[in-house]
Amino acid sequence: MTKVNVYVTLRESVVDPQGSAAETALHNLGYEEVKSVRIGKLIELELEGTSAEVEARVDGMCKELLVNRVIEDYRFEIEEA
C-alpha cells in the first residue's frame, strides 16, 4: 500500500481572498510579522501499485479531477504506508 500526499495551491497570479482574510485577521490579533498568507489544500490518497504506476496514476487523477489546472498548481509526495 502506498500513501500519497497531494498539495494543491493557487497559482501565484491568482488572488487568494481566503489568504487575504487570514492575513488581515492575523494582523488584527497582533501578528504583524506575517507578510503574506496563501491557503491551499492537502489531499491524502492510499493506493496500490509500483512506484512508477502510482506516480503516473496520481498525476492523472490530479489532471482529470483533483486539481483545477487553470488556477491551481500541485505537487505530490509518495511514501510507503
PDB file of N, CA and C in Angstrom:
ATOM      1  N   MET A   1       0.850  -1.174   0.000  1.00  0.00           N
ATOM      2  CA  MET A   1       0.000   0.000   0.000  1.00  0.00           C
ATOM      3  C   MET A   1       0.898   1.241   0.000  1.00  0.00           C
ATOM      4  N   THR A   2       0.538   2.192  -0.803  1.00  0.00           N
ATOM      5  CA  THR A   2       1.308   3.420  -0.918  1.00  0.00           C
ATOM      6  C   THR A   2       0.443   4.602  -0.500  1.00  0.00           C
ATOM      7  N   LYS A   3       1.029   5.501   0.267  1.00  0.00           N
ATOM      8  CA  LYS A   3       0.334   6.716   0.682  1.00  0.00           C
ATOM      9  C   LYS A   3       0.885   7.875  -0.139  1.00  0.00           C
ATOM     10  N   VAL A   4      -0.019   8.723  -0.607  1.00  0.00           N
ATOM     11  CA  VAL A   4       0.377   9.883  -1.395  1.00  0.00           C
ATOM     12  C   VAL A   4      -0.278  11.123  -0.809  1.00  0.00           C
ATOM     13  N   ASN A   5       0.527  12.159  -0.585  1.00  0.00           N
ATOM     14  CA  ASN A   5       0.007  13.459  -0.175  1.00  0.00           C
ATOM     15  C   ASN A   5       0.091  14.395  -1.370  1.00  0.00           C
ATOM     16  N   VAL A   6      -1.064  14.925  -1.772  1.00  0.00           N
ATOM     17  CA  VAL A   6      -1.140  15.863  -2.890  1.00  0.00           C
ATOM     18  C   VAL A   6      -1.356  17.255  -2.299  1.00  0.00           C
ATOM     19  N   TYR A   7      -0.463  18.182  -2.620  1.00  0.00           N
ATOM     20  CA  TYR A   7      -0.544  19.554  -2.133  1.00  0.00           C
ATOM     21  C   TYR A   7      -1.025  20.439  -3.278  1.00  0.00           C
ATOM     22  N   VAL A   8      -2.155  21.114  -3.069  1.00  0.00           N
ATOM     23  CA  VAL A   8      -2.753  21.958  -4.092  1.00  0.00           C
ATOM     24  C   VAL A   8      -2.731  23.400  -3.609  1.00  0.00           C
ATOM     25  N   THR A   9      -2.211  24.295  -4.440  1.00  0.00           N
ATOM     26  CA  THR A   9      -2.159  25.721  -4.098  1.00  0.00           C
ATOM     27  C   THR A   9      -2.639  26.543  -5.283  1.00  0.00           C
ATOM     28  N   LEU A  10      -3.123  27.733  -4.977  1.00  0.00           N
ATOM     29  CA  LEU A  10      -3.493  28.649  -6.046  1.00  0.00           C
ATOM     30  C   LEU A  10      -2.231  29.129  -6.752  1.00  0.00           C
ATOM     31  N   ARG A  11      -2.325  29.336  -8.042  1.00  0.00           N
ATOM     32  CA  ARG A  11      -1.186  29.895  -8.779  1.00  0.00           C
ATOM     33  C   ARG A  11      -0.883  31.281  -8.232  1.00  0.00           C
ATOM     34  N   GLU A  12       0.368  31.686  -8.332  1.00  0.00           N
ATOM     35  CA  GLU A  12       0.793  32.991  -7.810  1.00  0.00           C
ATOM     36  C   GLU A  12       0.007  34.139  -8.437  1.00  0.00           C
ATOM     37  N   SER A  13      -0.416  33.987  -9.680  1.00  0.00           N
ATOM     38  CA  SER A  13      -1.126  35.054 -10.379  1.00  0.00           C
ATOM     39  C   SER A  13      -2.593  35.162  -9.981  1.00  0.00           C
ATOM     40  N   VAL A  14      -3.085  34.215  -9.176  1.00  0.00           N
ATOM     41  CA  VAL A  14      -4.488  34.187  -8.774  1.00  0.00           C
ATOM     42  C   VAL A  14      -4.638  34.822  -7.393  1.00  0.00           C
ATOM     43  N   VAL A  15      -5.580  35.742  -7.274  1.00  0.00           N
ATOM     44  CA  VAL A  15      -5.865  36.377  -5.994  1.00  0.00           C
ATOM     45  C   VAL A  15      -6.430  35.333  -5.034  1.00  0.00           C
ATOM     46  N   ASP A  16      -5.960  35.358  -3.795  1.00  0.00           N
ATOM     47  CA  ASP A  16      -6.386  34.398  -2.772  1.00  0.00           C
ATOM     48  C   ASP A  16      -7.178  35.137  -1.695  1.00  0.00           C
ATOM     49  N   PRO A  17      -8.499  35.286  -1.863  1.00  0.00           N
ATOM     50  CA  PRO A  17      -9.280  36.036  -0.876  1.00  0.00           C
ATOM     51  C   PRO A  17      -9.264  35.407   0.513  1.00  0.00           C
ATOM     52  N   GLN A  18      -9.231  34.094   0.579  1.00  0.00           N
ATOM     53  CA  GLN A  18      -9.177  33.421   1.883  1.00  0.00           C
ATOM     54  C   GLN A  18      -7.845  33.717   2.570  1.00  0.00           C
ATOM     55  N   GLY A  19      -6.760  33.699   1.810  1.00  0.00           N
ATOM     56  CA  GLY A  19      -5.450  34.035   2.356  1.00  0.00           C
ATOM     57  C   GLY A  19      -5.396  35.483   2.821  1.00  0.00           C
ATOM     58  N   SER A  20      -5.979  36.395   2.037  1.00  0.00           N
ATOM     59  CA  SER A  20      -6.009  37.819   2.419  1.00  0.00           C
ATOM     60  C   SER A  20      -6.797  38.028   3.702  1.00  0.00           C
ATOM     61  N   ALA A  21      -7.919  37.321   3.830  1.00  0.00           N
ATOM     62  CA  ALA A  21      -8.726  37.434   5.053  1.00  0.00           C
ATOM     63  C   ALA A  21      -7.951  36.900   6.257  1.00  0.00           C
ATOM     64  N   ALA A  22      -7.242  35.786   6.082  1.00  0.00           N
ATOM     65  CA  ALA A  22      -6.447  35.223   7.175  1.00  0.00           C
ATOM     66  C   ALA A  22      -5.309  36.165   7.553  1.00  0.00           C
ATOM     67  N   GLU A  23      -4.678  36.786   6.556  1.00  0.00           N
ATOM     68  CA  GLU A  23      -3.604  37.740   6.825  1.00  0.00           C
ATOM     69  C   GLU A  23      -4.114  38.928   7.644  1.00  0.00           C
ATOM     70  N   THR A  24      -5.258  39.463   7.255  1.00  0.00           N
ATOM     71  CA  THR A  24      -5.854  40.583   7.993  1.00  0.00           C
ATOM     72  C   THR A  24      -6.196  40.172   9.422  1.00  0.00           C
ATOM     73  N   ALA A  25      -6.777  38.998   9.573  1.00  0.00           N
ATOM     74  CA  ALA A  25      -7.142  38.518  10.913  1.00  0.00           C
ATOM     75  C   ALA A  25      -5.902  38.324  11.782  1.00  0.00           C
ATOM     76  N   LEU A  26      -4.836  37.785  11.206  1.00  0.00           N
ATOM     77  CA  LEU A  26      -3.600  37.606  11.974  1.00  0.00           C
ATOM     78  C   LEU A  26      -3.026  38.957  12.400  1.00  0.00           C
ATOM     79  N   HIS A  27      -3.057  39.938  11.511  1.00  0.00           N
ATOM     80  CA  HIS A  27      -2.591  41.286  11.875  1.00  0.00           C
ATOM     81  C   HIS A  27      -3.438  41.861  13.009  1.00  0.00           C
ATOM     82  N   ASN A  28      -4.762  41.662  12.938  1.00  0.00           N
ATOM     83  CA  ASN A  28      -5.655  42.145  13.990  1.00  0.00           C
ATOM     84  C   ASN A  28      -5.389  41.471  15.332  1.00  0.00           C
ATOM     85  N   LEU A  29      -4.861  40.265  15.290  1.00  0.00           N
ATOM     86  CA  LEU A  29      -4.523  39.533  16.516  1.00  0.00           C
ATOM     87  C   LEU A  29      -3.124  39.865  17.028  1.00  0.00           C
ATOM     88  N   GLY A  30      -2.424  40.751  16.292  1.00  0.00           N
ATOM     89  CA  GLY A  30      -1.116  41.185  16.751  1.00  0.00           C
ATOM     90  C   GLY A  30       0.061  40.508  16.078  1.00  0.00           C
ATOM     91  N   TYR A  31      -0.185  39.694  15.095  1.00  0.00           N
ATOM     92  CA  TYR A  31       0.903  39.003  14.377  1.00  0.00           C
ATOM     93  C   TYR A  31       1.339  39.841  13.174  1.00  0.00           C
ATOM     94  N   GLU A  32       1.903  40.996  13.457  1.00  0.00           N
ATOM     95  CA  GLU A  32       2.289  41.943  12.408  1.00  0.00           C
ATOM     96  C   GLU A  32       3.443  41.435  11.542  1.00  0.00           C
ATOM     97  N   GLU A  33       4.190  40.451  12.030  1.00  0.00           N
ATOM     98  CA  GLU A  33       5.318  39.932  11.259  1.00  0.00           C
ATOM     99  C   GLU A  33       4.875  39.129  10.027  1.00  0.00           C
ATOM    100  N   VAL A  34       3.595  38.739   9.978  1.00  0.00           N
ATOM    101  CA  VAL A  34       3.074  37.988   8.834  1.00  0.00           C
ATOM    102  C   VAL A  34       2.951  38.934   7.641  1.00  0.00           C
ATOM    103  N   LYS A  35       3.639  38.600   6.565  1.00  0.00           N
ATOM    104  CA  LYS A  35       3.656  39.457   5.375  1.00  0.00           C
ATOM    105  C   LYS A  35       2.746  38.945   4.267  1.00  0.00           C
ATOM    106  N   SER A  36       2.440  37.655   4.266  1.00  0.00           N
ATOM    107  CA  SER A  36       1.592  37.106   3.215  1.00  0.00           C
ATOM    108  C   SER A  36       1.040  35.760   3.660  1.00  0.00           C
ATOM    109  N   VAL A  37      -0.189  35.470   3.257  1.00  0.00           N
ATOM    110  CA  VAL A  37      -0.807  34.180   3.565  1.00  0.00           C
ATOM    111  C   VAL A  37      -1.442  33.654   2.277  1.00  0.00           C
ATOM    112  N   ARG A  38      -1.147  32.408   1.956  1.00  0.00           N
ATOM    113  CA  ARG A  38      -1.788  31.719   0.838  1.00  0.00           C
ATOM    114  C   ARG A  38      -2.387  30.438   1.415  1.00  0.00           C
ATOM    115  N   ILE A  39      -3.632  30.159   1.098  1.00  0.00           N
ATOM    116  CA  ILE A  39      -4.322  28.983   1.616  1.00  0.00           C
ATOM    117  C   ILE A  39      -4.376  27.925   0.513  1.00  0.00           C
ATOM    118  N   GLY A  40      -4.093  26.683   0.863  1.00  0.00           N
ATOM    119  CA  GLY A  40      -4.152  25.582  -0.088  1.00  0.00           C
ATOM    120  C   GLY A  40      -4.919  24.418   0.506  1.00  0.00           C
ATOM    121  N   LYS A  41      -4.741  23.257  -0.093  1.00  0.00           N
ATOM    122  CA  LYS A  41      -5.401  22.068   0.452  1.00  0.00           C
ATOM    123  C   LYS A  41      -4.479  20.866   0.328  1.00  0.00           C
ATOM    124  N   LEU A  42      -4.723  19.906   1.187  1.00  0.00           N
ATOM    125  CA  LEU A  42      -3.977  18.648   1.212  1.00  0.00           C
ATOM    126  C   LEU A  42      -4.962  17.530   0.900  1.00  0.00           C
ATOM    127  N   ILE A  43      -4.607  16.676  -0.043  1.00  0.00           N
ATOM    128  CA  ILE A  43      -5.415  15.508  -0.384  1.00  0.00           C
ATOM    129  C   ILE A  43      -4.564  14.277  -0.076  1.00  0.00           C
ATOM    130  N   GLU A  44      -5.079  13.388   0.765  1.00  0.00           N
ATOM    131  CA  GLU A  44      -4.367  12.159   1.120  1.00  0.00           C
ATOM    132  C   GLU A  44      -4.989  10.990   0.379  1.00  0.00           C
ATOM    133  N   LEU A  45      -4.144  10.225  -0.300  1.00  0.00           N
ATOM    134  CA  LEU A  45      -4.596   9.051  -1.044  1.00  0.00           C
ATOM    135  C   LEU A  45      -3.835   7.828  -0.562  1.00  0.00           C
ATOM    136  N   GLU A  46      -4.490   6.682  -0.594  1.00  0.00           N
ATOM    137  CA  GLU A  46      -3.823   5.403  -0.387  1.00  0.00           C
ATOM    138  C   GLU A  46      -4.182   4.526  -1.566  1.00  0.00           C
ATOM    139  N   LEU A  47      -3.184   3.957  -2.218  1.00  0.00           N
ATOM    140  CA  LEU A  47      -3.439   3.116  -3.368  1.00  0.00           C
ATOM    141  C   LEU A  47      -2.344   2.077  -3.525  1.00  0.00           C
ATOM    142  N   GLU A  48      -2.602   1.109  -4.391  1.00  0.00           N
ATOM    143  CA  GLU A  48      -1.662   0.019  -4.621  1.00  0.00           C
ATOM    144  C   GLU A  48      -1.015   0.175  -5.986  1.00  0.00           C
ATOM    145  N   GLY A  49       0.159  -0.384  -6.125  1.00  0.00           N
ATOM    146  CA  GLY A  49       0.869  -0.391  -7.390  1.00  0.00           C
ATOM    147  C   GLY A  49       2.337  -0.113  -7.173  1.00  0.00           C
ATOM    148  N   THR A  50       3.108  -0.251  -8.242  1.00  0.00           N
ATOM    149  CA  THR A  50       4.527   0.047  -8.162  1.00  0.00           C
ATOM    150  C   THR A  50       4.704   1.562  -8.080  1.00  0.00           C
ATOM    151  N   SER A  51       5.893   1.979  -7.730  1.00  0.00           N
ATOM    152  CA  SER A  51       6.171   3.408  -7.591  1.00  0.00           C
ATOM    153  C   SER A  51       5.880   4.161  -8.890  1.00  0.00           C
ATOM    154  N   ALA A  52       6.309   3.609 -10.009  1.00  0.00           N
ATOM    155  CA  ALA A  52       6.075   4.257 -11.302  1.00  0.00           C
ATOM    156  C   ALA A  52       4.591   4.299 -11.641  1.00  0.00           C
ATOM    157  N   GLU A  53       3.876   3.212 -11.348  1.00  0.00           N
ATOM    158  CA  GLU A  53       2.430   3.172 -11.611  1.00  0.00           C
ATOM    159  C   GLU A  53       1.697   4.190 -10.756  1.00  0.00           C
ATOM    160  N   VAL A  54       2.044   4.236  -9.468  1.00  0.00           N
ATOM    161  CA  VAL A  54       1.397   5.168  -8.547  1.00  0.00           C
ATOM    162  C   VAL A  54       1.633   6.608  -9.003  1.00  0.00           C
ATOM    163  N   GLU A  55       2.860   6.925  -9.360  1.00  0.00           N
ATOM    164  CA  GLU A  55       3.170   8.282  -9.796  1.00  0.00           C
ATOM    165  C   GLU A  55       2.345   8.667 -11.023  1.00  0.00           C
ATOM    166  N   ALA A  56       2.272   7.785 -11.991  1.00  0.00           N
ATOM    167  CA  ALA A  56       1.506   8.068 -13.211  1.00  0.00           C
ATOM    168  C   ALA A  56       0.017   8.190 -12.919  1.00  0.00           C
ATOM    169  N   ARG A  57      -0.501   7.305 -12.080  1.00  0.00           N
ATOM    170  CA  ARG A  57      -1.936   7.327 -11.766  1.00  0.00           C
ATOM    171  C   ARG A  57      -2.309   8.579 -10.983  1.00  0.00           C
ATOM    172  N   VAL A  58      -1.508   8.942 -10.000  1.00  0.00           N
ATOM    173  CA  VAL A  58      -1.813  10.138  -9.194  1.00  0.00           C
ATOM    174  C   VAL A  58      -1.736  11.388 -10.067  1.00  0.00           C
ATOM    175  N   ASP A  59      -0.745  11.460 -10.931  1.00  0.00           N
ATOM    176  CA  ASP A  59      -0.656  12.594 -11.840  1.00  0.00           C
ATOM    177  C   ASP A  59      -1.912  12.678 -12.708  1.00  0.00           C
ATOM    178  N   GLY A  60      -2.378  11.545 -13.193  1.00  0.00           N
ATOM    179  CA  GLY A  60      -3.617  11.512 -13.974  1.00  0.00           C
ATOM    180  C   GLY A  60      -4.826  11.953 -13.164  1.00  0.00           C
ATOM    181  N   MET A  61      -4.923  11.494 -11.917  1.00  0.00           N
ATOM    182  CA  MET A  61      -6.030  11.883 -11.043  1.00  0.00           C
ATOM    183  C   MET A  61      -6.052  13.398 -10.836  1.00  0.00           C
ATOM    184  N   CYS A  62      -4.873  13.966 -10.621  1.00  0.00           N
ATOM    185  CA  CYS A  62      -4.783  15.409 -10.402  1.00  0.00           C
ATOM    186  C   CYS A  62      -5.232  16.165 -11.642  1.00  0.00           C
ATOM    187  N   LYS A  63      -4.756  15.745 -12.793  1.00  0.00           N
ATOM    188  CA  LYS A  63      -5.073  16.439 -14.042  1.00  0.00           C
ATOM    189  C   LYS A  63      -6.539  16.299 -14.440  1.00  0.00           C
ATOM    190  N   GLU A  64      -7.146  15.142 -14.119  1.00  0.00           N
ATOM    191  CA  GLU A  64      -8.516  14.894 -14.544  1.00  0.00           C
ATOM    192  C   GLU A  64      -9.578  15.338 -13.551  1.00  0.00           C
ATOM    193  N   LEU A  65      -9.265  15.364 -12.253  1.00  0.00           N
ATOM    194  CA  LEU A  65     -10.321  15.614 -11.279  1.00  0.00           C
ATOM    195  C   LEU A  65      -9.904  16.471 -10.089  1.00  0.00           C
ATOM    196  N   LEU A  66      -8.792  16.168  -9.478  1.00  0.00           N
ATOM    197  CA  LEU A  66      -8.474  16.741  -8.177  1.00  0.00           C
ATOM    198  C   LEU A  66      -8.004  18.197  -8.212  1.00  0.00           C
ATOM    199  N   VAL A  67      -7.507  18.665  -9.349  1.00  0.00           N
ATOM    200  CA  VAL A  67      -6.912  19.996  -9.427  1.00  0.00           C
ATOM    201  C   VAL A  67      -7.548  20.775 -10.574  1.00  0.00           C
ATOM    202  N   ASN A  68      -7.873  22.028 -10.312  1.00  0.00           N
ATOM    203  CA  ASN A  68      -8.316  22.930 -11.373  1.00  0.00           C
ATOM    204  C   ASN A  68      -7.057  23.565 -11.948  1.00  0.00           C
ATOM    205  N   ARG A  69      -6.551  23.011 -13.032  1.00  0.00           N
ATOM    206  CA  ARG A  69      -5.249  23.427 -13.547  1.00  0.00           C
ATOM    207  C   ARG A  69      -5.244  24.827 -14.143  1.00  0.00           C
ATOM    208  N   VAL A  70      -6.404  25.436 -14.283  1.00  0.00           N
ATOM    209  CA  VAL A  70      -6.453  26.812 -14.752  1.00  0.00           C
ATOM    210  C   VAL A  70      -5.961  27.762 -13.665  1.00  0.00           C
ATOM    211  N   ILE A  71      -6.323  27.475 -12.411  1.00  0.00           N
ATOM    212  CA  ILE A  71      -5.977  28.397 -11.318  1.00  0.00           C
ATOM    213  C   ILE A  71      -5.123  27.768 -10.226  1.00  0.00           C
ATOM    214  N   GLU A  72      -4.893  26.453 -10.278  1.00  0.00           N
ATOM    215  CA  GLU A  72      -4.163  25.784  -9.200  1.00  0.00           C
ATOM    216  C   GLU A  72      -2.914  25.066  -9.720  1.00  0.00           C
ATOM    217  N   ASP A  73      -1.926  24.974  -8.850  1.00  0.00           N
ATOM    218  CA  ASP A  73      -0.734  24.159  -9.063  1.00  0.00           C
ATOM    219  C   ASP A  73      -0.785  22.999  -8.073  1.00  0.00           C
ATOM    220  N   TYR A  74      -0.027  21.954  -8.353  1.00  0.00           N
ATOM    221  CA  TYR A  74       0.011  20.828  -7.424  1.00  0.00           C
ATOM    222  C   TYR A  74       1.383  20.168  -7.456  1.00  0.00           C
ATOM    223  N   ARG A  75       1.637  19.471  -6.374  1.00  0.00           N
ATOM    224  CA  ARG A  75       2.791  18.590  -6.275  1.00  0.00           C
ATOM    225  C   ARG A  75       2.376  17.468  -5.349  1.00  0.00           C
ATOM    226  N   PHE A  76       3.074  16.354  -5.428  1.00  0.00           N
ATOM    227  CA  PHE A  76       2.714  15.251  -4.526  1.00  0.00           C
ATOM    228  C   PHE A  76       3.958  14.524  -4.055  1.00  0.00           C
ATOM    229  N   GLU A  77       3.799  13.900  -2.883  1.00  0.00           N
ATOM    230  CA  GLU A  77       4.849  13.105  -2.266  1.00  0.00           C
ATOM    231  C   GLU A  77       4.339  11.696  -2.069  1.00  0.00           C
ATOM    232  N   ILE A  78       5.149  10.730  -2.463  1.00  0.00           N
ATOM    233  CA  ILE A  78       4.781   9.319  -2.351  1.00  0.00           C
ATOM    234  C   ILE A  78       5.591   8.694  -1.237  1.00  0.00           C
ATOM    235  N   GLU A  79       4.899   7.937  -0.375  1.00  0.00           N
ATOM    236  CA  GLU A  79       5.587   7.212   0.700  1.00  0.00           C
ATOM    237  C   GLU A  79       4.918   5.866   0.908  1.00  0.00           C
ATOM    238  N   GLU A  80       5.673   4.914   1.356  1.00  0.00           N
ATOM    239  CA  GLU A  80       5.109   3.605   1.670  1.00  0.00           C
ATOM    240  C   GLU A  80       4.288   3.700   2.933  1.00  0.00           C
ATOM    241  N   ALA A  81       3.098   3.106   2.915  1.00  0.00           N
ATOM    242  CA  ALA A  81       2.224   3.151   4.091  1.00  0.00           C
ATOM    243  C   ALA A  81       2.596   2.054   5.061  1.00  0.00           C
TER     244      ALA A  81
END
